[in-house]
Amino acid sequence: MGATLTGVLDSYSVSSNSLLTGLLGVWELNETSGLAQDELETYDAVSTDVTYDASGKIGRCFTYDGSDSVSCGSVLHLTSYLTVSCWMKTTNTGADWYALVGNYGSVNGFGYDITYYAASTRIEWGVRSTGHTTVYTAVDADLSNGNWHHIVCKWDGIARKIYIDGVDAGSADSWTYAPESSGDNLYIGDRGTCNAWIGSIDAVRIWERALTEDEIEELYAKENAGTGYPW
């Protein structure tokens, strides 16, 4: 009887993986044409001029040339704890901010987003609201070496933090201001009309909670080994 019960249980794919908790959007960017599909089947994104089907960190990825766009529409205007992760690769050293993921408000400055200032080699993480629209937390990180790098940014109600390749990059700042809705679209690789990415982006995820450091280390280890969602 025990063997039979074990066999029944083994036939189900039941995950206790905490990385699935609070997960809102998953874009593997494995498509060869058309929409960038959300694996959770909620927030598919419209892709404009990206190069599909390039070799990615996990399967395939999207490649951008500085004029491309991937828009998920006016969604995920989070106003509480959050985590955003992605893989990036670039050799760009241009003197500008280059957008990875976010819904920065071009009019009101609200929202959240991750950018890379290539010339000054730093990752910046913005969580902005009324009266607090221009301040980022930033870490120096020369990532323009043509290698894949894992970026995780989170806000836990106390501080904004940046993790690079599974390691706390030392960015924690005191920041108790929750993000406000930008009203703008969620973009992957640009801000709609500016700051378009030059390079490749893969495996984008957004959570409505702040991942723990152990979870971030686990996420990096699994994805660095080539294991994508659902891990």
Foldseek 3Di string as FASTA:
>chain_A
DVVVVVVVVVVDDDDPQCVVPQWDFKFQQQDQDAWRATPVRDQIKGKFPWHGQPQDLFHTWTADAFPIWIWSWQDDQFFAKKKKKWKFFALDQDQDWAWAKWAQQPPPLFTWTWTARRVQQKIWIDHDDVPRRPDTFIAHHNRNPGDIKMWMWIDAQAWIWIDILLHTRPRTDGDNGTTGGSSGTIIGQANVGHNGDGGIMGIIIMGSHGDDSVSSNVVSVCSSVNHHPPD
